[in-house]
Amino acid sequence: MIKFDKFILENGLKVIVHNDPSTTLVAFNVLYNVGARDENPEKTGFAHLFEHLMFEGSINIPSYDRPLQLAGGENNAYTTNDITNYYITLPKENIETAFWLESDRMAGLDFSEEKLEIQKNVVIEEFNQRYINQPYGDTSLLLKPLAYKVHPYRWPTIGKEISHIRNVNLKDVKDFFNYHYAPNNAILSIAGNVTLEEIKPLAEKWFGPIEKKKINLKEIPQEPKQKEARTQTVERNVPFDAIYKVFHMSSKLEKEYYISDLISDLLSNGKSSRLYQNLVKNRNLFSDINAHITGDIDAGLFIVTGKLMKNIKMDEAEEAINTELNEIINGNITDYEIEKVKNKFESVYQFGQISALNKVMDLAYHELLGDANRINYEIEKYRSVSKEEIKLVASEMFRRDNSSTLYYLSKK
């Protein structure tokens, strides 16, 4: 059981404090309730670009990294479809440095054309390296708009295309900051050998003076139920053919999410899993095959990806995948298999909670979902899944008319 204290400043900033006497470091996490799904479809990639801009210096602090390094700290950040998350670890005695740095850039960034151009070029280079010039790198640029037609999950966090990033101007950036970066749109979580009595006055001192903003709550269009199978075929300069099959699944807030996650583990969690044993080891159809879920807050995707062995036909490979999915639908699963994936999840989850940094990230995320105390019931939710529920969810999820398939062919 992870115990914590929680309070809210007058400006709306939610603060979570977890006492962890096992570490001399403090983990300091700020989650902003803004991700790629909050972007204009004609101006995508903003949330991720903004993550980069947040390290370019704020009103009073021209260099973010230098004072943190002098305080013995480290930092990083990430952007998803749903959130942008910034985190710091540093010695407890220097914790006020984290409050100073994070509150100053929440209060206001040092915007300039020069800094914007630098970070635009960094993101464009990342786009080229990871999505254009990398073998199989453009799959998310193809799969997302194939699977989603309405919901903003239809583009990746990097953005739809490079032109969207290249065309960003200073007004766009300032507007994005003013619409989303505010204390009443953020959650601060802190873990370490600290107490509520220590943290509350620091939060009030550094974050309290920041004014709340009128947050433009965007109405997210929900994806309609898919009624027919979709396919797309592309040819690329890659060594082997590949197949990507995606199925719509539930949101993070529904019980079906946990069931779908366990199904992905049954299929593809280690070398003892079904896909590896049956399609790689025994039948030699694939050199590599995996199943995973996207883990989004809104209704996400269940994804099966496989690279075919040379001379294996795409029809044969796809049929083999469908056969494995049908085995789950038909309930051909042993109690031992189910218990094994539940045990594996529990051990990985509990091991992850040893880290103060993982705890602050999870506490903030669960608070965003509705209640930080959800963190204490994750294992129970997986444990409660039955074989019958796995069959029911699989039969609904793995329908052909709920599928989108990308055939990724090697140029001969």
Protein backbone atom coordinates (compact mmCIF):
# COMPACT_ATOMS: atom_id res chain seq x y z
CA MET A 1 0.00 0.00 0.00
CA ILE A 2 1.47 3.34 -1.10
CA LYS A 3 0.45 6.03 1.38
CA PHE A 4 0.41 9.69 0.44
CA ASP A 5 -0.95 13.11 1.37
CA LYS A 6 -2.73 15.39 -1.03
CA PHE A 7 -3.69 19.06 -1.07
CA ILE A 8 -4.72 21.70 -3.60
CA LEU A 9 -3.38 25.25 -3.77
CA GLU A 10 -5.80 28.15 -4.25
CA ASN A 11 -4.70 28.43 -7.88
CA GLY A 12 -5.80 24.84 -8.56
CA LEU A 13 -2.43 23.05 -8.50
CA LYS A 14 -2.86 19.54 -7.09
CA VAL A 15 0.04 18.37 -4.93
CA ILE A 16 0.75 14.77 -3.85
CA VAL A 17 3.39 13.91 -1.24
CA HIS A 18 4.67 10.39 -0.60
CA ASN A 19 7.08 9.74 2.26
CA ASP A 20 9.77 7.24 1.20
CA PRO A 21 12.52 7.07 3.85
CA SER A 22 14.44 4.43 1.85
CA THR A 23 16.06 6.99 -0.46
CA THR A 24 18.28 10.04 0.00
CA LEU A 25 17.04 11.44 -3.30
CA VAL A 26 13.77 13.21 -3.94
CA ALA A 27 11.70 12.55 -7.07
CA PHE A 28 9.85 15.66 -8.24
CA ASN A 29 7.27 15.30 -11.01
CA VAL A 30 5.04 17.81 -12.80
CA LEU A 31 2.33 16.39 -15.05
CA TYR A 32 0.47 18.72 -17.41
CA ASN A 33 -2.92 17.64 -18.69
CA VAL A 34 -2.03 18.24 -22.33
CA GLY A 35 -0.85 15.85 -25.03
CA ALA A 36 -1.02 15.30 -28.75
CA ARG A 37 -4.79 14.77 -28.61
CA ASP A 38 -5.24 18.44 -27.61
CA GLU A 39 -3.69 19.73 -30.84
CA ASN A 40 -5.30 21.31 -33.89
CA PRO A 41 -5.37 18.66 -36.68
CA GLU A 42 -3.74 21.24 -38.98
CA LYS A 43 -1.00 22.07 -36.43
CA THR A 44 0.19 18.79 -34.96
CA GLY A 45 3.36 18.01 -33.05
CA PHE A 46 2.92 21.04 -30.76
CA ALA A 47 2.83 19.19 -27.43
CA HIS A 48 6.10 17.40 -28.20
CA LEU A 49 7.76 20.54 -29.57
CA PHE A 50 6.68 22.36 -26.45
CA GLU A 51 8.33 19.74 -24.26
CA HIS A 52 11.61 20.73 -25.94
CA LEU A 53 10.93 24.45 -25.55
CA MET A 54 10.38 24.04 -21.81
CA PHE A 55 14.13 23.42 -21.44
CA GLU A 56 15.12 26.60 -23.28
CA GLY A 57 14.95 28.82 -20.20
CA SER A 58 12.23 30.69 -18.34
CA ILE A 59 11.67 34.32 -17.40
CA ASN A 60 14.23 34.43 -14.57
CA ILE A 61 16.39 31.39 -15.38
CA PRO A 62 18.15 31.49 -18.77
CA SER A 63 19.62 27.98 -18.36
CA TYR A 64 17.41 25.26 -16.88
CA ASP A 65 20.01 22.49 -16.74
CA ARG A 66 22.95 24.32 -15.20
CA PRO A 67 21.51 25.16 -11.74
CA LEU A 68 20.00 21.69 -11.53
CA GLN A 69 23.35 20.03 -12.29
CA LEU A 70 25.02 22.21 -9.65
CA ALA A 71 22.41 20.92 -7.19
CA GLY A 72 23.29 17.32 -8.07
CA GLY A 73 20.06 16.76 -9.98
CA GLU A 74 18.96 15.11 -13.20
CA ASN A 75 15.86 15.72 -15.28
CA ASN A 76 13.94 14.63 -18.32
CA ALA A 77 10.48 14.73 -19.84
CA TYR A 78 8.17 12.88 -22.22
CA THR A 79 5.02 13.55 -24.22
CA THR A 80 2.22 11.09 -24.96
CA ASN A 81 -1.14 11.30 -26.67
CA ASP A 82 -2.64 12.40 -23.35
CA ILE A 83 -0.05 14.13 -21.13
CA THR A 84 3.26 15.95 -20.98
CA ASN A 85 5.38 14.96 -17.99
CA TYR A 86 8.50 16.61 -16.52
CA TYR A 87 10.57 15.01 -13.78
CA ILE A 88 13.60 15.70 -11.61
CA THR A 89 15.64 13.65 -9.14
CA LEU A 90 17.97 15.45 -6.75
CA PRO A 91 19.33 15.25 -3.19
CA LYS A 92 16.77 16.12 -0.55
CA GLU A 93 18.82 19.03 0.82
CA ASN A 94 18.54 20.75 -2.59
CA ILE A 95 14.83 20.17 -3.12
CA GLU A 96 14.07 23.89 -3.23
CA THR A 97 16.04 24.10 -6.46
CA ALA A 98 13.39 21.88 -8.08
CA PHE A 99 10.59 24.10 -6.76
CA TRP A 100 12.40 27.18 -8.07
CA LEU A 101 13.04 25.77 -11.55
CA GLU A 102 9.63 24.20 -12.16
CA SER A 103 7.59 27.07 -10.77
CA ASP A 104 9.51 29.62 -12.84
CA ARG A 105 8.90 27.88 -16.13
CA MET A 106 5.24 27.27 -15.22
CA ALA A 107 4.95 31.02 -14.58
CA GLY A 108 6.40 31.92 -17.96
CA LEU A 109 8.87 30.84 -20.60
CA ASP A 110 11.48 33.03 -22.27
CA PHE A 111 10.04 32.93 -25.77
CA SER A 112 12.18 34.02 -28.69
CA GLU A 113 12.38 33.37 -32.44
CA GLU A 114 15.93 32.08 -32.04
CA LYS A 115 15.03 29.49 -29.39
CA LEU A 116 11.97 28.39 -31.33
CA GLU A 117 14.04 27.85 -34.49
CA ILE A 118 16.61 25.80 -32.56
CA GLN A 119 13.98 23.44 -31.15
CA LYS A 120 12.05 23.22 -34.41
CA ASN A 121 15.24 22.00 -36.08
CA VAL A 122 15.85 19.50 -33.26
CA VAL A 123 12.33 18.06 -33.63
CA ILE A 124 12.53 17.97 -37.43
CA GLU A 125 15.82 16.06 -37.16
CA GLU A 126 14.17 13.64 -34.71
CA PHE A 127 11.25 13.23 -37.14
CA ASN A 128 13.66 12.37 -39.96
CA GLN A 129 15.82 10.01 -37.93
CA ARG A 130 13.08 8.07 -36.13
CA TYR A 131 10.20 8.12 -38.62
CA ILE A 132 11.54 8.72 -42.14
CA ASN A 133 15.07 7.32 -42.36
CA GLN A 134 14.62 4.42 -39.92
CA PRO A 135 13.60 1.04 -41.38
CA TYR A 136 9.90 0.47 -40.57
CA GLY A 137 9.97 3.90 -38.87
CA ASP A 138 6.92 5.33 -40.62
CA THR A 139 4.53 2.63 -39.39
CA SER A 140 2.85 4.86 -36.79
CA LEU A 141 2.41 7.58 -39.44
CA LEU A 142 0.52 5.00 -41.50
CA LEU A 143 -1.27 2.94 -38.84
CA LYS A 144 -2.80 5.72 -36.78
CA PRO A 145 -4.79 7.37 -39.59
CA LEU A 146 -5.73 3.90 -40.85
CA ALA A 147 -7.26 2.95 -37.49
CA TYR A 148 -8.63 6.36 -36.43
CA LYS A 149 -10.78 8.58 -38.61
CA VAL A 150 -12.14 11.07 -36.05
CA HIS A 151 -10.24 10.90 -32.76
CA PRO A 152 -6.98 12.93 -32.48
CA TYR A 153 -5.10 9.71 -31.74
CA ARG A 154 -4.96 9.55 -35.53
CA TRP A 155 -1.55 11.25 -35.49
CA PRO A 156 1.60 10.39 -33.49
CA THR A 157 3.05 12.72 -30.87
CA ILE A 158 5.79 13.81 -33.29
CA GLY A 159 3.03 15.20 -35.53
CA LYS A 160 1.43 14.28 -38.86
CA GLU A 161 4.12 15.77 -41.05
CA ILE A 162 7.29 17.86 -40.88
CA SER A 163 5.57 20.91 -42.41
CA HIS A 164 3.40 21.26 -39.29
CA ILE A 165 6.52 21.69 -37.16
CA ARG A 166 8.34 23.85 -39.71
CA ASN A 167 5.41 26.29 -39.91
CA VAL A 168 5.06 26.90 -36.15
CA ASN A 169 5.37 30.58 -35.29
CA LEU A 170 5.92 32.44 -32.03
CA LYS A 171 2.21 33.30 -31.63
CA ASP A 172 1.29 29.62 -31.97
CA VAL A 173 3.74 28.75 -29.21
CA LYS A 174 2.60 31.49 -26.85
CA ASP A 175 -1.04 30.55 -27.37
CA PHE A 176 -0.31 26.90 -26.65
CA PHE A 177 1.46 27.86 -23.41
CA ASN A 178 -1.37 30.13 -22.30
CA TYR A 179 -4.07 27.57 -23.09
CA HIS A 180 -2.46 24.59 -21.38
CA TYR A 181 0.43 25.42 -19.05
CA ALA A 182 -1.17 26.54 -15.81
CA PRO A 183 -1.29 25.42 -12.17
CA ASN A 184 -4.95 24.45 -12.55
CA ASN A 185 -4.00 22.12 -15.42
CA ALA A 186 -1.11 20.40 -13.63
CA ILE A 187 -0.35 17.88 -10.89
CA LEU A 188 2.82 18.06 -8.78
CA SER A 189 3.89 14.83 -7.10
CA ILE A 190 6.89 14.42 -4.81
CA ALA A 191 8.41 11.31 -3.22
CA GLY A 192 11.40 10.89 -0.91
CA ASN A 193 12.27 11.24 2.74
CA VAL A 194 9.93 14.24 2.95
CA THR A 195 6.75 15.08 4.84
CA LEU A 196 3.62 17.05 4.13
CA GLU A 197 4.76 19.62 6.69
CA GLU A 198 7.98 20.20 4.72
CA ILE A 199 6.45 20.28 1.25
CA LYS A 200 3.29 22.34 1.76
CA PRO A 201 5.01 25.66 2.64
CA LEU A 202 7.46 25.19 -0.27
CA ALA A 203 4.59 24.56 -2.69
CA GLU A 204 2.75 27.63 -1.43
CA LYS A 205 5.93 29.76 -1.60
CA TRP A 206 6.97 28.84 -5.14
CA PHE A 207 3.77 27.80 -6.93
CA GLY A 208 1.15 29.70 -4.91
CA PRO A 209 1.77 33.13 -6.55
CA ILE A 210 1.22 31.73 -10.08
CA GLU A 211 -2.22 32.76 -11.31
CA LYS A 212 -4.67 30.18 -12.54
CA LYS A 213 -5.73 30.45 -16.17
CA LYS A 214 -8.90 29.87 -18.11
CA ILE A 215 -8.16 26.46 -19.59
CA ASN A 216 -9.71 25.80 -22.98
CA LEU A 217 -11.17 22.37 -22.33
CA LYS A 218 -11.24 20.80 -25.76
CA GLU A 219 -14.13 18.55 -26.70
CA ILE A 220 -12.38 15.39 -27.87
CA PRO A 221 -14.35 13.72 -30.71
CA GLN A 222 -14.83 10.05 -29.91
CA GLU A 223 -14.05 7.45 -32.56
CA PRO A 224 -17.20 5.78 -33.93
CA LYS A 225 -17.39 1.99 -33.90
CA GLN A 226 -15.50 0.54 -36.84
CA LYS A 227 -17.84 -1.42 -39.11
CA GLU A 228 -15.54 -2.89 -41.74
CA ALA A 229 -11.99 -4.16 -41.98
CA ARG A 230 -9.41 -1.73 -43.36
CA THR A 231 -6.16 -2.56 -45.12
CA GLN A 232 -3.23 -0.68 -46.60
CA THR A 233 -0.23 -1.97 -48.52
CA VAL A 234 3.08 -0.12 -48.86
CA GLU A 235 6.50 -0.98 -50.29
CA ARG A 236 9.67 0.22 -48.64
CA ASN A 237 13.43 -0.37 -48.76
CA VAL A 238 13.45 -2.78 -45.83
CA PRO A 239 15.01 -6.25 -45.56
CA PHE A 240 11.85 -8.25 -44.73
CA ASP A 241 8.10 -8.04 -45.20
CA ALA A 242 6.17 -7.09 -42.06
CA ILE A 243 2.54 -7.13 -40.95
CA TYR A 244 0.83 -4.80 -38.47
CA LYS A 245 -2.68 -5.69 -37.27
CA VAL A 246 -4.51 -3.30 -34.96
CA PHE A 247 -7.84 -3.62 -33.19
CA HIS A 248 -9.80 -0.98 -31.30
CA MET A 249 -9.99 -1.66 -27.56
CA SER A 250 -11.37 0.00 -24.44
CA SER A 251 -10.21 3.14 -22.65
CA LYS A 252 -7.90 3.13 -19.64
CA LEU A 253 -10.87 3.68 -17.31
CA GLU A 254 -12.76 0.48 -18.22
CA LYS A 255 -12.27 -3.02 -16.84
CA GLU A 256 -11.80 -4.32 -20.38
CA TYR A 257 -8.48 -2.44 -20.47
CA TYR A 258 -6.92 -4.78 -17.89
CA ILE A 259 -8.34 -7.82 -19.67
CA SER A 260 -6.90 -6.66 -23.01
CA ASP A 261 -3.52 -6.06 -21.38
CA LEU A 262 -3.48 -9.62 -20.02
CA ILE A 263 -4.42 -10.95 -23.47
CA SER A 264 -1.40 -9.15 -24.93
CA ASP A 265 0.77 -10.81 -22.27
CA LEU A 266 -0.69 -14.24 -23.01
CA LEU A 267 0.22 -13.76 -26.65
CA SER A 268 3.55 -12.02 -26.34
CA ASN A 269 5.33 -11.75 -23.01
CA GLY A 270 8.67 -13.46 -23.33
CA LYS A 271 9.91 -16.53 -25.17
CA SER A 272 7.40 -18.83 -23.48
CA SER A 273 4.48 -16.83 -24.92
CA ARG A 274 2.12 -18.22 -27.55
CA LEU A 275 3.18 -16.11 -30.53
CA TYR A 276 6.88 -16.80 -30.01
CA GLN A 277 6.51 -20.51 -29.32
CA ASN A 278 4.03 -21.24 -32.11
CA LEU A 279 4.98 -18.84 -34.88
CA VAL A 280 8.69 -18.22 -34.34
CA LYS A 281 10.12 -21.31 -32.70
CA ASN A 282 7.85 -24.09 -33.97
CA ARG A 283 6.72 -22.91 -37.40
CA ASN A 284 9.53 -20.47 -38.30
CA LEU A 285 7.08 -18.04 -39.92
CA PHE A 286 8.39 -14.88 -38.24
CA SER A 287 11.78 -13.68 -37.13
CA ASP A 288 10.06 -11.48 -34.57
CA ILE A 289 6.45 -11.07 -33.44
CA ASN A 290 4.86 -9.10 -30.63
CA ALA A 291 1.53 -7.94 -29.24
CA HIS A 292 0.98 -4.87 -27.08
CA ILE A 293 -1.59 -2.24 -26.19
CA THR A 294 -1.16 1.51 -26.61
CA GLY A 295 -2.22 2.32 -23.03
CA ASP A 296 -4.17 5.47 -23.90
CA ILE A 297 -6.70 7.19 -21.66
CA ASP A 298 -9.37 7.17 -24.37
CA ALA A 299 -10.17 4.04 -26.35
CA GLY A 300 -6.83 2.74 -27.61
CA LEU A 301 -5.42 0.03 -29.85
CA PHE A 302 -4.35 -3.58 -29.47
CA ILE A 303 -1.43 -4.08 -31.87
CA VAL A 304 0.15 -7.24 -33.29
CA THR A 305 3.39 -6.72 -35.24
CA GLY A 306 5.49 -9.32 -36.99
CA LYS A 307 8.47 -9.47 -39.36
CA LEU A 308 8.17 -12.38 -41.77
CA MET A 309 10.91 -14.87 -42.48
CA LYS A 310 12.21 -14.86 -46.03
CA ASN A 311 9.99 -16.68 -48.57
CA ILE A 312 6.98 -16.73 -46.20
CA LYS A 313 3.82 -15.50 -47.95
CA MET A 314 1.83 -12.69 -46.34
CA ASP A 315 -1.41 -14.71 -46.52
CA GLU A 316 0.16 -17.58 -44.60
CA ALA A 317 1.60 -15.25 -41.97
CA GLU A 318 -1.69 -13.42 -41.44
CA GLU A 319 -3.66 -16.66 -41.22
CA ALA A 320 -1.26 -17.91 -38.56
CA ILE A 321 -1.84 -14.75 -36.49
CA ASN A 322 -5.61 -15.08 -36.86
CA THR A 323 -5.41 -18.71 -35.72
CA GLU A 324 -3.64 -17.65 -32.50
CA LEU A 325 -6.22 -14.95 -31.85
CA ASN A 326 -9.03 -17.44 -32.40
CA GLU A 327 -7.48 -19.76 -29.82
CA ILE A 328 -7.97 -17.00 -27.25
CA ILE A 329 -11.52 -16.32 -28.47
CA ASN A 330 -12.37 -20.02 -28.12
CA GLY A 331 -11.03 -20.12 -24.58
CA ASN A 332 -8.19 -22.52 -25.32
CA ILE A 333 -6.16 -21.11 -22.45
CA THR A 334 -5.02 -22.95 -19.35
CA ASP A 335 -5.42 -21.64 -15.82
CA TYR A 336 -1.65 -22.01 -15.52
CA GLU A 337 -1.06 -19.59 -18.41
CA ILE A 338 -3.41 -17.01 -16.93
CA GLU A 339 -1.84 -17.30 -13.49
CA LYS A 340 1.63 -17.00 -14.99
CA VAL A 341 0.94 -13.69 -16.76
CA LYS A 342 -0.83 -12.31 -13.66
CA ASN A 343 2.17 -13.25 -11.50
CA LYS A 344 4.55 -11.68 -13.99
CA PHE A 345 2.56 -8.45 -14.06
CA GLU A 346 2.46 -8.32 -10.27
CA SER A 347 6.19 -8.89 -9.86
CA VAL A 348 7.09 -6.28 -12.52
CA TYR A 349 4.64 -3.76 -11.04
CA GLN A 350 5.84 -4.22 -7.47
CA PHE A 351 9.48 -4.05 -8.55
CA GLY A 352 8.73 -0.81 -10.39
CA GLN A 353 7.21 0.71 -7.26
CA ILE A 354 10.56 0.42 -5.46
CA SER A 355 11.63 3.47 -7.46
CA ALA A 356 10.54 6.82 -5.99
CA LEU A 357 10.49 8.26 -9.51
CA ASN A 358 8.10 5.58 -10.78
CA LYS A 359 5.86 6.20 -7.80
CA VAL A 360 5.57 9.96 -8.37
CA MET A 361 4.82 9.43 -12.05
CA ASP A 362 2.15 6.84 -11.29
CA LEU A 363 0.59 8.86 -8.47
CA ALA A 364 0.24 11.92 -10.72
CA TYR A 365 -1.14 9.85 -13.59
CA HIS A 366 -3.73 8.10 -11.43
CA GLU A 367 -4.75 11.45 -9.96
CA LEU A 368 -5.33 12.65 -13.52
CA LEU A 369 -7.49 9.58 -14.11
CA GLY A 370 -9.59 10.52 -11.10
CA ASP A 371 -7.86 9.43 -7.91
CA ALA A 372 -4.21 8.86 -6.99
CA ASN A 373 -5.32 6.00 -4.74
CA ARG A 374 -6.02 3.96 -7.88
CA ILE A 375 -2.31 3.11 -7.71
CA ASN A 376 -3.05 0.73 -4.82
CA TYR A 377 -5.64 -1.31 -6.74
CA GLU A 378 -3.87 -2.03 -10.04
CA ILE A 379 -2.76 -5.53 -9.02
CA GLU A 380 -6.22 -6.35 -7.72
CA LYS A 381 -7.77 -5.32 -11.05
CA TYR A 382 -5.50 -7.71 -12.97
CA ARG A 383 -5.95 -10.46 -10.38
CA SER A 384 -9.74 -10.33 -10.71
CA VAL A 385 -9.76 -11.11 -14.46
CA SER A 386 -11.36 -14.48 -15.27
CA LYS A 387 -10.94 -16.83 -18.23
CA GLU A 388 -14.54 -16.17 -19.26
CA GLU A 389 -13.87 -12.40 -19.35
CA ILE A 390 -10.79 -12.99 -21.51
CA LYS A 391 -12.91 -14.97 -24.00
CA LEU A 392 -15.62 -12.31 -24.09
CA VAL A 393 -13.27 -9.38 -24.60
CA ALA A 394 -11.20 -11.26 -27.19
CA SER A 395 -14.30 -12.22 -29.19
CA GLU A 396 -15.44 -8.60 -29.30
CA MET A 397 -12.00 -7.06 -29.89
CA PHE A 398 -10.62 -9.48 -32.49
CA ARG A 399 -13.57 -9.17 -34.88
CA ARG A 400 -12.45 -8.79 -38.47
CA ASP A 401 -14.57 -5.64 -38.93
CA ASN A 402 -12.72 -4.11 -35.96
CA SER A 403 -9.33 -4.59 -37.58
CA SER A 404 -6.95 -2.40 -39.58
CA THR A 405 -4.03 -4.17 -41.25
CA LEU A 406 -0.89 -2.68 -42.72
CA TYR A 407 1.02 -4.91 -45.16
CA TYR A 408 4.57 -3.56 -45.18
CA LEU A 409 6.39 -5.10 -48.13
CA SER A 410 10.08 -5.22 -48.91
CA LYS A 411 10.90 -3.90 -52.37
CA LYS A 412 12.09 -6.81 -54.42
